[in-house]
Amino acid sequence: MQDSASQSSRPDNQHVDGQRLDKWIWCARLVKTRTLATSLVEAGKIRINGERVRKASRRVRPGDVLTGAHGGRLWVVRVIDSAERRVPPSAVAGLYENLTPGSITERIRS
């Protein structure tokens, strides 16, 4: 049995260890399913700090900049926090800072 101190420190450890890339992308609602998040990573369509990543198990930490594209939409975000579960749409602002330039987003849509 674990004491309450170690249980309460678990979320803090998540910041140190990071969170799986595929899970973070899904929790932050950048894609609809975790399976899709895994597929995008394995296809090399996601970058962390400019480096192409092909392992869904790669850890992301606060401060990392993620770049990805899916469905004609490019996104660039800076990780602020992690989440144990998928957050409601109203709470995604607490997980990342949107760095996507507006002109790029508009060009891809047209």
N, C-alpha and C. Protein backbone atom coordinates (compact mmCIF):
# COMPACT_ATOMS: atom_id res chain seq x y z
N MET A 1 0.85 -1.19 0.00
CA MET A 1 0.00 0.00 0.00
C MET A 1 0.89 1.24 0.00
N GLN A 2 0.54 2.22 -0.82
CA GLN A 2 1.33 3.43 -0.90
C GLN A 2 0.79 4.46 0.07
N ASP A 3 1.71 5.27 0.59
CA ASP A 3 1.24 6.32 1.49
C ASP A 3 0.68 7.48 0.67
N SER A 4 -0.05 8.36 1.33
CA SER A 4 -0.72 9.45 0.62
C SER A 4 0.27 10.43 0.01
N ALA A 5 1.47 10.55 0.58
CA ALA A 5 2.46 11.48 0.03
C ALA A 5 2.91 11.03 -1.35
N SER A 6 3.14 9.73 -1.54
CA SER A 6 3.59 9.27 -2.85
C SER A 6 2.45 9.33 -3.87
N GLN A 7 1.21 9.12 -3.43
CA GLN A 7 0.09 9.22 -4.35
C GLN A 7 -0.14 10.65 -4.79
N SER A 8 0.02 11.60 -3.89
CA SER A 8 -0.21 12.99 -4.26
C SER A 8 0.92 13.54 -5.13
N SER A 9 2.10 12.91 -5.09
CA SER A 9 3.20 13.41 -5.90
C SER A 9 3.17 12.85 -7.32
N ARG A 10 2.31 11.90 -7.59
CA ARG A 10 2.26 11.28 -8.91
C ARG A 10 2.03 12.28 -10.04
N PRO A 11 1.09 13.23 -9.95
CA PRO A 11 0.94 14.19 -11.03
C PRO A 11 2.20 15.03 -11.26
N ASP A 12 2.93 15.37 -10.19
CA ASP A 12 4.16 16.12 -10.36
C ASP A 12 5.19 15.30 -11.12
N ASN A 13 5.25 14.00 -10.85
CA ASN A 13 6.19 13.13 -11.56
C ASN A 13 5.86 13.07 -13.04
N GLN A 14 4.59 13.20 -13.38
CA GLN A 14 4.19 13.16 -14.77
C GLN A 14 4.84 14.31 -15.54
N HIS A 15 4.99 15.47 -14.90
CA HIS A 15 5.65 16.60 -15.56
C HIS A 15 7.11 16.30 -15.80
N VAL A 16 7.77 15.65 -14.86
CA VAL A 16 9.19 15.32 -14.99
C VAL A 16 9.39 14.26 -16.06
N ASP A 17 8.58 13.20 -16.00
CA ASP A 17 8.71 12.09 -16.94
C ASP A 17 8.07 12.39 -18.28
N GLY A 18 7.15 13.30 -18.31
CA GLY A 18 6.42 13.61 -19.53
C GLY A 18 5.25 12.68 -19.74
N GLN A 19 4.60 12.84 -20.87
CA GLN A 19 3.44 12.03 -21.23
C GLN A 19 3.65 11.50 -22.64
N ARG A 20 3.12 10.32 -22.92
CA ARG A 20 3.24 9.75 -24.26
C ARG A 20 2.71 10.75 -25.28
N LEU A 21 3.42 10.87 -26.38
CA LEU A 21 3.05 11.82 -27.43
C LEU A 21 1.65 11.55 -27.97
N ASP A 22 1.34 10.30 -28.30
CA ASP A 22 0.02 10.00 -28.86
C ASP A 22 -1.10 10.32 -27.88
N LYS A 23 -0.88 10.02 -26.61
CA LYS A 23 -1.91 10.30 -25.62
C LYS A 23 -2.09 11.80 -25.42
N TRP A 24 -0.98 12.55 -25.40
CA TRP A 24 -1.09 14.00 -25.21
C TRP A 24 -1.86 14.64 -26.37
N ILE A 25 -1.53 14.25 -27.61
CA ILE A 25 -2.21 14.81 -28.78
C ILE A 25 -3.71 14.55 -28.70
N TRP A 26 -4.08 13.35 -28.28
CA TRP A 26 -5.50 12.99 -28.15
C TRP A 26 -6.15 13.75 -26.99
N CYS A 27 -5.49 13.77 -25.83
CA CYS A 27 -6.05 14.47 -24.66
C CYS A 27 -6.26 15.96 -24.95
N ALA A 28 -5.37 16.54 -25.74
CA ALA A 28 -5.45 17.97 -26.08
C ALA A 28 -6.43 18.25 -27.21
N ARG A 29 -7.10 17.21 -27.70
CA ARG A 29 -8.12 17.32 -28.74
C ARG A 29 -7.59 17.86 -30.06
N LEU A 30 -6.34 17.56 -30.38
CA LEU A 30 -5.80 17.95 -31.68
C LEU A 30 -6.24 16.95 -32.75
N VAL A 31 -6.60 15.73 -32.33
CA VAL A 31 -7.18 14.71 -33.22
C VAL A 31 -8.34 14.05 -32.49
N LYS A 32 -9.20 13.36 -33.25
CA LYS A 32 -10.41 12.78 -32.65
C LYS A 32 -10.17 11.48 -31.88
N THR A 33 -9.21 10.66 -32.33
CA THR A 33 -8.99 9.38 -31.66
C THR A 33 -7.52 9.18 -31.34
N ARG A 34 -7.27 8.37 -30.33
CA ARG A 34 -5.88 8.07 -29.97
C ARG A 34 -5.24 7.21 -31.06
N THR A 35 -6.03 6.36 -31.69
CA THR A 35 -5.51 5.54 -32.79
C THR A 35 -5.02 6.44 -33.92
N LEU A 36 -5.75 7.48 -34.23
CA LEU A 36 -5.34 8.43 -35.26
C LEU A 36 -4.06 9.14 -34.83
N ALA A 37 -3.97 9.52 -33.57
CA ALA A 37 -2.76 10.17 -33.06
C ALA A 37 -1.55 9.25 -33.24
N THR A 38 -1.71 7.98 -32.89
CA THR A 38 -0.63 7.00 -33.04
C THR A 38 -0.24 6.87 -34.51
N SER A 39 -1.22 6.79 -35.40
CA SER A 39 -0.95 6.66 -36.84
C SER A 39 -0.18 7.86 -37.38
N LEU A 40 -0.56 9.06 -36.97
CA LEU A 40 0.14 10.26 -37.43
C LEU A 40 1.59 10.27 -36.98
N VAL A 41 1.82 9.88 -35.73
CA VAL A 41 3.19 9.85 -35.21
C VAL A 41 4.01 8.82 -35.98
N GLU A 42 3.48 7.61 -36.13
CA GLU A 42 4.22 6.54 -36.80
C GLU A 42 4.46 6.85 -38.28
N ALA A 43 3.61 7.68 -38.89
CA ALA A 43 3.80 8.09 -40.28
C ALA A 43 4.80 9.24 -40.40
N GLY A 44 5.31 9.73 -39.28
CA GLY A 44 6.30 10.81 -39.30
C GLY A 44 5.70 12.18 -39.54
N LYS A 45 4.42 12.35 -39.23
CA LYS A 45 3.75 13.63 -39.48
C LYS A 45 3.75 14.57 -38.29
N ILE A 46 4.43 14.18 -37.21
CA ILE A 46 4.51 15.00 -36.01
C ILE A 46 5.97 15.29 -35.71
N ARG A 47 6.25 16.52 -35.33
CA ARG A 47 7.61 16.91 -34.93
C ARG A 47 7.59 17.45 -33.51
N ILE A 48 8.64 17.14 -32.77
CA ILE A 48 8.83 17.72 -31.44
C ILE A 48 10.09 18.56 -31.51
N ASN A 49 9.95 19.85 -31.25
CA ASN A 49 11.07 20.79 -31.31
C ASN A 49 11.81 20.69 -32.64
N GLY A 50 11.05 20.54 -33.73
CA GLY A 50 11.62 20.49 -35.07
C GLY A 50 12.14 19.13 -35.50
N GLU A 51 12.14 18.15 -34.63
CA GLU A 51 12.66 16.82 -34.93
C GLU A 51 11.50 15.86 -35.23
N ARG A 52 11.55 15.22 -36.39
CA ARG A 52 10.51 14.26 -36.77
C ARG A 52 10.53 13.09 -35.80
N VAL A 53 9.35 12.69 -35.34
CA VAL A 53 9.22 11.61 -34.37
C VAL A 53 8.38 10.50 -34.99
N ARG A 54 8.79 9.26 -34.80
CA ARG A 54 8.04 8.12 -35.33
C ARG A 54 7.63 7.13 -34.25
N LYS A 55 7.85 7.47 -33.00
CA LYS A 55 7.47 6.59 -31.89
C LYS A 55 6.40 7.27 -31.05
N ALA A 56 5.24 6.63 -31.00
CA ALA A 56 4.12 7.19 -30.24
C ALA A 56 4.42 7.24 -28.75
N SER A 57 5.37 6.43 -28.30
CA SER A 57 5.71 6.39 -26.87
C SER A 57 6.67 7.50 -26.46
N ARG A 58 7.14 8.29 -27.42
CA ARG A 58 8.04 9.40 -27.11
C ARG A 58 7.36 10.33 -26.11
N ARG A 59 8.10 10.80 -25.13
CA ARG A 59 7.55 11.65 -24.07
C ARG A 59 7.58 13.11 -24.47
N VAL A 60 6.50 13.82 -24.16
CA VAL A 60 6.46 15.27 -24.34
C VAL A 60 6.39 15.90 -22.96
N ARG A 61 7.03 17.03 -22.84
CA ARG A 61 7.11 17.74 -21.56
C ARG A 61 6.73 19.20 -21.77
N PRO A 62 6.34 19.88 -20.70
CA PRO A 62 6.06 21.31 -20.83
C PRO A 62 7.24 22.05 -21.46
N GLY A 63 6.94 22.91 -22.41
CA GLY A 63 7.97 23.66 -23.12
C GLY A 63 8.25 23.10 -24.51
N ASP A 64 7.93 21.82 -24.75
CA ASP A 64 8.14 21.24 -26.07
C ASP A 64 7.21 21.90 -27.08
N VAL A 65 7.70 22.10 -28.30
CA VAL A 65 6.89 22.65 -29.38
C VAL A 65 6.57 21.51 -30.35
N LEU A 66 5.29 21.26 -30.55
CA LEU A 66 4.83 20.20 -31.45
C LEU A 66 4.30 20.82 -32.73
N THR A 67 4.65 20.20 -33.85
CA THR A 67 4.15 20.62 -35.15
C THR A 67 3.53 19.41 -35.81
N GLY A 68 2.36 19.57 -36.37
CA GLY A 68 1.70 18.46 -37.03
C GLY A 68 0.72 18.96 -38.07
N ALA A 69 0.30 18.03 -38.93
CA ALA A 69 -0.69 18.36 -39.95
C ALA A 69 -1.62 17.17 -40.10
N HIS A 70 -2.89 17.49 -40.22
CA HIS A 70 -3.89 16.44 -40.44
C HIS A 70 -5.15 17.07 -41.01
N GLY A 71 -5.71 16.43 -42.02
CA GLY A 71 -6.97 16.89 -42.59
C GLY A 71 -6.90 18.29 -43.17
N GLY A 72 -5.77 18.65 -43.79
CA GLY A 72 -5.63 19.97 -44.37
C GLY A 72 -5.42 21.07 -43.35
N ARG A 73 -5.08 20.69 -42.14
CA ARG A 73 -4.89 21.68 -41.07
C ARG A 73 -3.51 21.51 -40.46
N LEU A 74 -2.74 22.58 -40.45
CA LEU A 74 -1.43 22.59 -39.81
C LEU A 74 -1.59 23.18 -38.43
N TRP A 75 -0.90 22.60 -37.43
CA TRP A 75 -0.92 23.18 -36.10
C TRP A 75 0.47 23.16 -35.50
N VAL A 76 0.76 24.23 -34.78
CA VAL A 76 2.01 24.36 -34.04
C VAL A 76 1.60 24.78 -32.63
N VAL A 77 1.99 23.98 -31.64
CA VAL A 77 1.60 24.26 -30.26
C VAL A 77 2.77 24.07 -29.32
N ARG A 78 2.78 24.85 -28.25
CA ARG A 78 3.77 24.69 -27.18
C ARG A 78 3.05 24.01 -26.01
N VAL A 79 3.61 22.90 -25.56
CA VAL A 79 3.01 22.14 -24.46
C VAL A 79 3.15 22.94 -23.17
N ILE A 80 2.04 23.13 -22.47
CA ILE A 80 2.04 23.82 -21.18
C ILE A 80 1.87 22.81 -20.05
N ASP A 81 1.01 21.82 -20.26
CA ASP A 81 0.69 20.87 -19.20
C ASP A 81 0.30 19.54 -19.81
N SER A 82 0.20 18.52 -18.98
CA SER A 82 -0.28 17.22 -19.43
C SER A 82 -1.62 16.94 -18.76
N ALA A 83 -2.29 15.90 -19.24
CA ALA A 83 -3.60 15.53 -18.69
C ALA A 83 -3.69 14.02 -18.62
N GLU A 84 -4.27 13.52 -17.54
CA GLU A 84 -4.44 12.08 -17.41
C GLU A 84 -5.56 11.58 -18.30
N ARG A 85 -6.55 12.43 -18.56
CA ARG A 85 -7.71 12.06 -19.38
C ARG A 85 -7.93 13.14 -20.43
N ARG A 86 -8.73 12.80 -21.42
CA ARG A 86 -9.09 13.77 -22.44
C ARG A 86 -9.89 14.89 -21.80
N VAL A 87 -9.50 16.11 -22.09
CA VAL A 87 -10.14 17.26 -21.44
C VAL A 87 -11.31 17.76 -22.29
N PRO A 88 -12.27 18.44 -21.66
CA PRO A 88 -13.36 19.03 -22.44
C PRO A 88 -12.82 20.17 -23.30
N PRO A 89 -13.50 20.48 -24.40
CA PRO A 89 -13.02 21.54 -25.29
C PRO A 89 -12.73 22.86 -24.58
N SER A 90 -13.48 23.16 -23.54
CA SER A 90 -13.28 24.42 -22.83
C SER A 90 -11.98 24.45 -22.03
N ALA A 91 -11.35 23.29 -21.82
CA ALA A 91 -10.15 23.22 -20.99
C ALA A 91 -8.85 23.04 -21.77
N VAL A 92 -8.92 22.95 -23.10
CA VAL A 92 -7.70 22.70 -23.86
C VAL A 92 -6.70 23.86 -23.77
N ALA A 93 -7.16 25.05 -23.52
CA ALA A 93 -6.25 26.20 -23.41
C ALA A 93 -5.24 26.02 -22.30
N GLY A 94 -5.57 25.21 -21.30
CA GLY A 94 -4.64 24.96 -20.21
C GLY A 94 -3.56 23.95 -20.55
N LEU A 95 -3.70 23.26 -21.69
CA LEU A 95 -2.72 22.24 -22.07
C LEU A 95 -1.67 22.75 -23.04
N TYR A 96 -2.03 23.72 -23.87
CA TYR A 96 -1.06 24.19 -24.86
C TYR A 96 -1.31 25.65 -25.25
N GLU A 97 -0.25 26.23 -25.80
CA GLU A 97 -0.32 27.57 -26.38
C GLU A 97 -0.29 27.41 -27.89
N ASN A 98 -1.26 27.94 -28.58
CA ASN A 98 -1.34 27.81 -30.03
C ASN A 98 -0.36 28.79 -30.68
N LEU A 99 0.61 28.26 -31.41
CA LEU A 99 1.61 29.08 -32.09
C LEU A 99 1.40 29.08 -33.60
N THR A 100 0.32 28.47 -34.08
CA THR A 100 0.06 28.35 -35.51
C THR A 100 -0.15 29.72 -36.13
N PRO A 101 0.68 30.09 -37.10
CA PRO A 101 0.47 31.37 -37.77
C PRO A 101 -0.86 31.36 -38.52
N GLY A 102 -1.64 32.41 -38.40
CA GLY A 102 -2.95 32.49 -39.04
C GLY A 102 -2.90 32.36 -40.55
N SER A 103 -1.91 32.95 -41.18
CA SER A 103 -1.84 32.91 -42.64
C SER A 103 -1.61 31.49 -43.15
N ILE A 104 -0.85 30.70 -42.43
CA ILE A 104 -0.62 29.31 -42.86
C ILE A 104 -1.91 28.52 -42.76
N THR A 105 -2.63 28.70 -41.67
CA THR A 105 -3.88 27.98 -41.48
C THR A 105 -4.86 28.33 -42.60
N GLU A 106 -4.96 29.60 -42.95
CA GLU A 106 -5.89 30.02 -44.00
C GLU A 106 -5.47 29.48 -45.36
N ARG A 107 -4.16 29.44 -45.66
CA ARG A 107 -3.69 28.94 -46.94
C ARG A 107 -4.02 27.46 -47.12
N ILE A 108 -3.88 26.70 -46.06
CA ILE A 108 -4.15 25.26 -46.14
C ILE A 108 -5.63 25.02 -46.37
N ARG A 109 -6.49 25.82 -45.75
CA ARG A 109 -7.94 25.63 -45.89
C ARG A 109 -8.42 25.94 -47.30
N SER A 110 -7.76 26.86 -47.99
CA SER A 110 -8.25 27.24 -49.32
C SER A 110 -7.65 26.40 -50.42
